[in-house]
C-alpha cells in the first residue's frame, strides 16, 4: 500500500496523503492505524481539511498549461517529500526501522514517478486540450488508486514494480534510439 501511495504521490502530491489520513481516521478496511505513532497528527480533522484544500488547489492549477513549468519546479520536491511521508506513515505501526527504510524508499519511488510523469507529458503548446485530458486522467488514476490500495494493499507493490520496469524500458529505449547514429557518437 505504501509503495503504491508513493507512486501516486509522484502524480499528485496532496491527494494520496489526504486520503490516507482520512481512511486512517475512519479506520477504513486495511488502512494503517496511526495512533501512538509519529504520524498521529495526520488524523486530526483540520490536517485532513488542509490536505484536501491543497489537493483541490493542485488539481485546479494543473489544468492551466501556462503554469506547467513553474508548477513542476515547485511541486517536485513536495511530491518527493510527501511520497516518503506516505510510505513511512503506512509502515509506522511496524516500528521505526521499517518506517525509516520505507520513508527513504518512498522518496525514491515518488521521485521516479514524478520523472516518468514528466517524460510522458507533452510540452505546453497553443492547443491545451491534450494536457487537460492527461491531467484529468491522472486525477482519476489517483482517486481510484488510493481507494484500491487501501482495499487491496498488494496492488500498490505491483504498481511500484511496474513503475521500475517502465523507467528501465524508457532508459533502454533512449539509449537504443541514438545508438546507430554516427553524429551522436563521441
C-alpha atoms as a PDB file:
ATOM      1  CA  UNK A   1       0.000   0.000   0.000  1.00  0.00           C
ATOM      2  CA  UNK A   2       2.797   2.407   0.890  1.00  0.00           C
ATOM      3  CA  UNK A   3       4.652   1.822  -2.365  1.00  0.00           C
ATOM      4  CA  UNK A   4       1.505   2.417  -4.393  1.00  0.00           C
ATOM      5  CA  UNK A   5       0.658   5.582  -2.494  1.00  0.00           C
ATOM      6  CA  UNK A   6       4.230   6.803  -3.030  1.00  0.00           C
ATOM      7  CA  UNK A   7       3.787   6.262  -6.781  1.00  0.00           C
ATOM      8  CA  UNK A   8       0.557   8.235  -6.676  1.00  0.00           C
ATOM      9  CA  UNK A   9       2.299  10.990  -4.706  1.00  0.00           C
ATOM     10  CA  UNK A  10       4.588  11.368  -7.706  1.00  0.00           C
ATOM     11  CA  UNK A  11       1.486  12.191  -9.768  1.00  0.00           C
ATOM     12  CA  UNK A  12      -0.469  14.300  -7.272  1.00  0.00           C
ATOM     13  CA  UNK A  13       1.217  15.418  -4.084  1.00  0.00           C
ATOM     14  CA  UNK A  14      -1.660  16.005  -1.706  1.00  0.00           C
ATOM     15  CA  UNK A  15      -4.414  13.549  -2.669  1.00  0.00           C
ATOM     16  CA  UNK A  16      -2.695  10.325  -1.503  1.00  0.00           C
ATOM     17  CA  UNK A  17      -1.745  11.697   1.902  1.00  0.00           C
ATOM     18  CA  UNK A  18      -5.181  13.295   2.352  1.00  0.00           C
ATOM     19  CA  UNK A  19      -6.965  10.040   1.576  1.00  0.00           C
ATOM     20  CA  UNK A  20      -4.546   8.019   3.715  1.00  0.00           C
ATOM     21  CA  UNK A  21      -5.237  10.332   6.662  1.00  0.00           C
ATOM     22  CA  UNK A  22      -8.993  10.173   6.054  1.00  0.00           C
ATOM     23  CA  UNK A  23      -9.028   6.388   5.709  1.00  0.00           C
ATOM     24  CA  UNK A  24      -6.919   6.008   8.840  1.00  0.00           C
ATOM     25  CA  UNK A  25      -9.207   8.326  10.817  1.00  0.00           C
ATOM     26  CA  UNK A  26     -12.277   6.383   9.659  1.00  0.00           C
ATOM     27  CA  UNK A  27     -10.468   3.063  10.283  1.00  0.00           C
ATOM     28  CA  UNK A  28     -11.297   2.061   6.744  1.00  0.00           C
ATOM     29  CA  UNK A  29     -10.534  -1.529   5.624  1.00  0.00           C
ATOM     30  CA  UNK A  30      -6.793  -2.169   5.910  1.00  0.00           C
ATOM     31  CA  UNK A  31      -5.716   1.452   6.433  1.00  0.00           C
ATOM     32  CA  UNK A  32      -2.891   1.775   8.957  1.00  0.00           C
ATOM     33  CA  UNK A  33      -3.709   2.811  12.495  1.00  0.00           C
ATOM     34  CA  UNK A  34      -1.657   5.934  13.105  1.00  0.00           C
ATOM     35  CA  UNK A  35      -2.496   6.343  16.797  1.00  0.00           C
ATOM     36  CA  UNK A  36       0.614   6.392  19.006  1.00  0.00           C
ATOM     37  CA  UNK A  37       2.908   6.881  16.022  1.00  0.00           C
ATOM     38  CA  UNK A  38       4.803   9.984  14.897  1.00  0.00           C
ATOM     39  CA  UNK A  39       2.118  10.395  12.215  1.00  0.00           C
ATOM     40  CA  UNK A  40      -0.859  10.589  14.592  1.00  0.00           C
ATOM     41  CA  UNK A  41      -1.255  14.275  13.714  1.00  0.00           C
ATOM     42  CA  UNK A  42      -2.429  13.248  10.230  1.00  0.00           C
ATOM     43  CA  UNK A  43      -5.714  12.005  11.692  1.00  0.00           C
ATOM     44  CA  UNK A  44      -6.705  15.410  13.034  1.00  0.00           C
ATOM     45  CA  UNK A  45      -9.709  16.849  11.156  1.00  0.00           C
ATOM     46  CA  UNK A  46      -8.060  20.191  10.432  1.00  0.00           C
ATOM     47  CA  UNK A  47      -4.979  18.475   8.942  1.00  0.00           C
ATOM     48  CA  UNK A  48      -7.190  16.366   6.701  1.00  0.00           C
ATOM     49  CA  UNK A  49      -9.113  19.503   5.640  1.00  0.00           C
ATOM     50  CA  UNK A  50      -5.867  21.361   4.834  1.00  0.00           C
ATOM     51  CA  UNK A  51      -4.583  18.458   2.723  1.00  0.00           C
ATOM     52  CA  UNK A  52      -7.854  18.250   0.794  1.00  0.00           C
ATOM     53  CA  UNK A  53      -7.842  22.031   0.240  1.00  0.00           C
ATOM     54  CA  UNK A  54      -4.261  21.863  -1.056  1.00  0.00           C
ATOM     55  CA  UNK A  55      -5.262  18.922  -3.263  1.00  0.00           C
ATOM     56  CA  UNK A  56      -8.094  20.941  -4.822  1.00  0.00           C
ATOM     57  CA  UNK A  57      -5.712  23.840  -5.471  1.00  0.00           C
ATOM     58  CA  UNK A  58      -3.186  21.458  -7.024  1.00  0.00           C
ATOM     59  CA  UNK A  59      -5.859  19.907  -9.246  1.00  0.00           C
ATOM     60  CA  UNK A  60      -7.007  23.338 -10.433  1.00  0.00           C
ATOM     61  CA  UNK A  61      -3.502  24.675 -11.095  1.00  0.00           C
ATOM     62  CA  UNK A  62      -2.613  21.531 -13.043  1.00  0.00           C
ATOM     63  CA  UNK A  63      -5.326  22.367 -15.570  1.00  0.00           C
ATOM     64  CA  UNK A  64      -3.591  25.663 -16.510  1.00  0.00           C
ATOM     65  CA  UNK A  65      -0.938  24.781 -19.113  1.00  0.00           C
ATOM     66  CA  UNK A  66       0.928  28.101 -18.887  1.00  0.00           C
ATOM     67  CA  UNK A  67       1.846  27.364 -15.278  1.00  0.00           C
ATOM     68  CA  UNK A  68       3.266  23.934 -16.150  1.00  0.00           C
ATOM     69  CA  UNK A  69       6.989  24.501 -15.783  1.00  0.00           C
ATOM     70  CA  UNK A  70       6.908  26.702 -12.641  1.00  0.00           C
ATOM     71  CA  UNK A  71       4.364  24.374 -11.037  1.00  0.00           C
ATOM     72  CA  UNK A  72       6.518  21.337 -11.732  1.00  0.00           C
ATOM     73  CA  UNK A  73       9.612  23.030 -10.316  1.00  0.00           C
ATOM     74  CA  UNK A  74       7.808  23.942  -7.106  1.00  0.00           C
ATOM     75  CA  UNK A  75       5.878  20.707  -6.725  1.00  0.00           C
ATOM     76  CA  UNK A  76       8.652  18.216  -7.499  1.00  0.00           C
ATOM     77  CA  UNK A  77      10.315  18.388  -4.049  1.00  0.00           C
ATOM     78  CA  UNK A  78       6.894  18.475  -2.369  1.00  0.00           C
ATOM     79  CA  UNK A  79       5.804  15.340  -4.233  1.00  0.00           C
ATOM     80  CA  UNK A  80       9.006  13.525  -3.355  1.00  0.00           C
ATOM     81  CA  UNK A  81       8.789  14.516   0.320  1.00  0.00           C
ATOM     82  CA  UNK A  82       5.126  13.544   0.621  1.00  0.00           C
ATOM     83  CA  UNK A  83       5.840  10.235  -1.123  1.00  0.00           C
ATOM     84  CA  UNK A  84       8.367   9.434   1.582  1.00  0.00           C
ATOM     85  CA  UNK A  85       5.974  10.544   4.315  1.00  0.00           C
ATOM     86  CA  UNK A  86       3.119   8.431   2.937  1.00  0.00           C
ATOM     87  CA  UNK A  87       5.227   5.289   2.719  1.00  0.00           C
ATOM     88  CA  UNK A  88       6.689   5.895   6.186  1.00  0.00           C
ATOM     89  CA  UNK A  89       3.219   6.549   7.648  1.00  0.00           C
ATOM     90  CA  UNK A  90       1.930   3.259   6.282  1.00  0.00           C
ATOM     91  CA  UNK A  91       4.816   1.424   7.944  1.00  0.00           C
ATOM     92  CA  UNK A  92       4.828   3.474  11.187  1.00  0.00           C
ATOM     93  CA  UNK A  93       2.913   0.862  13.244  1.00  0.00           C
ATOM     94  CA  UNK A  94       5.637  -1.689  12.407  1.00  0.00           C
ATOM     95  CA  UNK A  95       8.445   0.244  14.125  1.00  0.00           C
ATOM     96  CA  UNK A  96      10.944   2.983  13.490  1.00  0.00           C
ATOM     97  CA  UNK A  97      13.431   0.913  11.460  1.00  0.00           C
ATOM     98  CA  UNK A  98      10.887  -0.163   8.863  1.00  0.00           C
ATOM     99  CA  UNK A  99       9.404   3.331   8.934  1.00  0.00           C
ATOM    100  CA  UNK A 100      12.808   4.896   8.149  1.00  0.00           C
ATOM    101  CA  UNK A 101      13.693   2.426   5.400  1.00  0.00           C
ATOM    102  CA  UNK A 102      10.274   2.745   3.792  1.00  0.00           C
ATOM    103  CA  UNK A 103      10.409   6.526   4.066  1.00  0.00           C
ATOM    104  CA  UNK A 104      13.627   6.529   2.028  1.00  0.00           C
ATOM    105  CA  UNK A 105      12.130   4.080  -0.468  1.00  0.00           C
ATOM    106  CA  UNK A 106       9.067   6.327  -0.706  1.00  0.00           C
ATOM    107  CA  UNK A 107      11.285   9.283  -1.594  1.00  0.00           C
ATOM    108  CA  UNK A 108      12.878   7.283  -4.403  1.00  0.00           C
ATOM    109  CA  UNK A 109       9.586   5.875  -5.694  1.00  0.00           C
ATOM    110  CA  UNK A 110       7.846   9.263  -5.710  1.00  0.00           C
ATOM    111  CA  UNK A 111      10.833  10.821  -7.482  1.00  0.00           C
ATOM    112  CA  UNK A 112      10.776   8.130 -10.164  1.00  0.00           C
ATOM    113  CA  UNK A 113       7.011   8.520 -10.605  1.00  0.00           C
ATOM    114  CA  UNK A 114       7.364  12.272 -10.989  1.00  0.00           C
ATOM    115  CA  UNK A 115      10.146  11.766 -13.529  1.00  0.00           C
ATOM    116  CA  UNK A 116       8.077   9.269 -15.505  1.00  0.00           C
ATOM    117  CA  UNK A 117       5.100  11.642 -15.428  1.00  0.00           C
ATOM    118  CA  UNK A 118       7.253  14.450 -16.784  1.00  0.00           C
ATOM    119  CA  UNK A 119       8.628  12.313 -19.619  1.00  0.00           C
ATOM    120  CA  UNK A 120       5.148  11.272 -20.794  1.00  0.00           C
ATOM    121  CA  UNK A 121       3.573  14.725 -20.748  1.00  0.00           C
ATOM    122  CA  UNK A 122       3.818  16.760 -23.949  1.00  0.00           C
ATOM    123  CA  UNK A 123       5.116  20.301 -23.704  1.00  0.00           C
ATOM    124  CA  UNK A 124       2.575  23.115 -23.476  1.00  0.00           C
ATOM    125  CA  UNK A 125       1.661  24.415 -26.919  1.00  0.00           C
ATOM    126  CA  UNK A 126      -1.133  26.552 -28.243  1.00  0.00           C
ATOM    127  CA  UNK A 127      -3.510  23.576 -28.027  1.00  0.00           C
ATOM    128  CA  UNK A 128      -4.056  22.895 -24.324  1.00  0.00           C
ATOM    129  CA  UNK A 129      -6.697  20.197 -24.867  1.00  0.00           C
ATOM    130  CA  UNK A 130      -4.430  17.133 -24.610  1.00  0.00           C
ATOM    131  CA  UNK A 131      -2.751  18.457 -21.467  1.00  0.00           C
ATOM    132  CA  UNK A 132      -6.097  18.975 -19.742  1.00  0.00           C
ATOM    133  CA  UNK A 133      -7.251  15.466 -20.654  1.00  0.00           C
ATOM    134  CA  UNK A 134      -3.983  13.972 -19.406  1.00  0.00           C
ATOM    135  CA  UNK A 135      -4.416  15.915 -16.185  1.00  0.00           C
ATOM    136  CA  UNK A 136      -7.969  14.612 -15.755  1.00  0.00           C
ATOM    137  CA  UNK A 137      -6.785  11.044 -16.368  1.00  0.00           C
ATOM    138  CA  UNK A 138      -4.061  11.484 -13.747  1.00  0.00           C
ATOM    139  CA  UNK A 139      -6.691  12.747 -11.297  1.00  0.00           C
ATOM    140  CA  UNK A 140      -8.845   9.689 -11.916  1.00  0.00           C
ATOM    141  CA  UNK A 141      -5.897   7.334 -11.543  1.00  0.00           C
ATOM    142  CA  UNK A 142      -5.000   8.870  -8.187  1.00  0.00           C
ATOM    143  CA  UNK A 143      -8.593   8.835  -6.922  1.00  0.00           C
ATOM    144  CA  UNK A 144      -9.223   5.228  -7.911  1.00  0.00           C
ATOM    145  CA  UNK A 145      -5.727   4.119  -6.921  1.00  0.00           C
ATOM    146  CA  UNK A 146      -5.921   5.422  -3.364  1.00  0.00           C
ATOM    147  CA  UNK A 147      -9.145   3.550  -2.749  1.00  0.00           C
ATOM    148  CA  UNK A 148      -7.826   0.420  -4.437  1.00  0.00           C
ATOM    149  CA  UNK A 149      -4.552   0.419  -2.486  1.00  0.00           C
ATOM    150  CA  UNK A 150      -6.371   0.648   0.834  1.00  0.00           C
ATOM    151  CA  UNK A 151      -8.746  -2.169  -0.089  1.00  0.00           C
ATOM    152  CA  UNK A 152      -6.097  -4.400  -1.703  1.00  0.00           C
ATOM    153  CA  UNK A 153      -2.658  -3.299  -0.415  1.00  0.00           C
ATOM    154  CA  UNK A 154      -0.686  -5.738  -2.592  1.00  0.00           C
ATOM    155  CA  UNK A 155      -1.746  -3.898  -5.747  1.00  0.00           C
ATOM    156  CA  UNK A 156       0.354  -0.927  -4.607  1.00  0.00           C
ATOM    157  CA  UNK A 157       3.521  -3.009  -4.634  1.00  0.00           C
ATOM    158  CA  UNK A 158       2.664  -4.269  -8.114  1.00  0.00           C
ATOM    159  CA  UNK A 159       2.250  -0.677  -9.311  1.00  0.00           C
ATOM    160  CA  UNK A 160       5.660   0.228  -7.880  1.00  0.00           C
ATOM    161  CA  UNK A 161       7.243  -2.743  -9.695  1.00  0.00           C
ATOM    162  CA  UNK A 162       5.523  -1.642 -12.905  1.00  0.00           C
ATOM    163  CA  UNK A 163       6.987   1.852 -12.420  1.00  0.00           C
ATOM    164  CA  UNK A 164      10.518   0.463 -12.079  1.00  0.00           C
ATOM    165  CA  UNK A 165      10.029  -1.647 -15.217  1.00  0.00           C
ATOM    166  CA  UNK A 166       8.676   1.374 -17.099  1.00  0.00           C
ATOM    167  CA  UNK A 167      11.637   3.561 -16.129  1.00  0.00           C
ATOM    168  CA  UNK A 168      14.052   0.791 -17.154  1.00  0.00           C
ATOM    169  CA  UNK A 169      12.349   0.391 -20.530  1.00  0.00           C
ATOM    170  CA  UNK A 170      12.347   4.144 -21.165  1.00  0.00           C
ATOM    171  CA  UNK A 171      16.063   4.399 -20.477  1.00  0.00           C
ATOM    172  CA  UNK A 172      16.794   1.360 -22.627  1.00  0.00           C
ATOM    173  CA  UNK A 173      14.741   2.788 -25.481  1.00  0.00           C
ATOM    174  CA  UNK A 174      16.516   6.163 -25.314  1.00  0.00           C
ATOM    175  CA  UNK A 175      19.954   4.539 -25.487  1.00  0.00           C
ATOM    176  CA  UNK A 176      18.924   2.343 -28.430  1.00  0.00           C
ATOM    177  CA  UNK A 177      17.330   5.233 -30.290  1.00  0.00           C
ATOM    178  CA  UNK A 178      20.610   7.066 -30.865  1.00  0.00           C
ATOM    179  CA  UNK A 179      22.970   4.112 -30.849  1.00  0.00           C
ATOM    180  CA  UNK A 180      23.370   3.805 -34.621  1.00  0.00           C
ATOM    181  CA  UNK A 181      23.797   7.490 -35.425  1.00  0.00           C
ATOM    182  CA  UNK A 182      27.456   8.344 -36.068  1.00  0.00           C
ATOM    183  CA  UNK A 183      26.942  12.036 -35.462  1.00  0.00           C
ATOM    184  CA  UNK A 184      25.912  11.387 -31.857  1.00  0.00           C
ATOM    185  CA  UNK A 185      28.872   9.145 -31.043  1.00  0.00           C
ATOM    186  CA  UNK A 186      31.580  10.918 -29.121  1.00  0.00           C
END
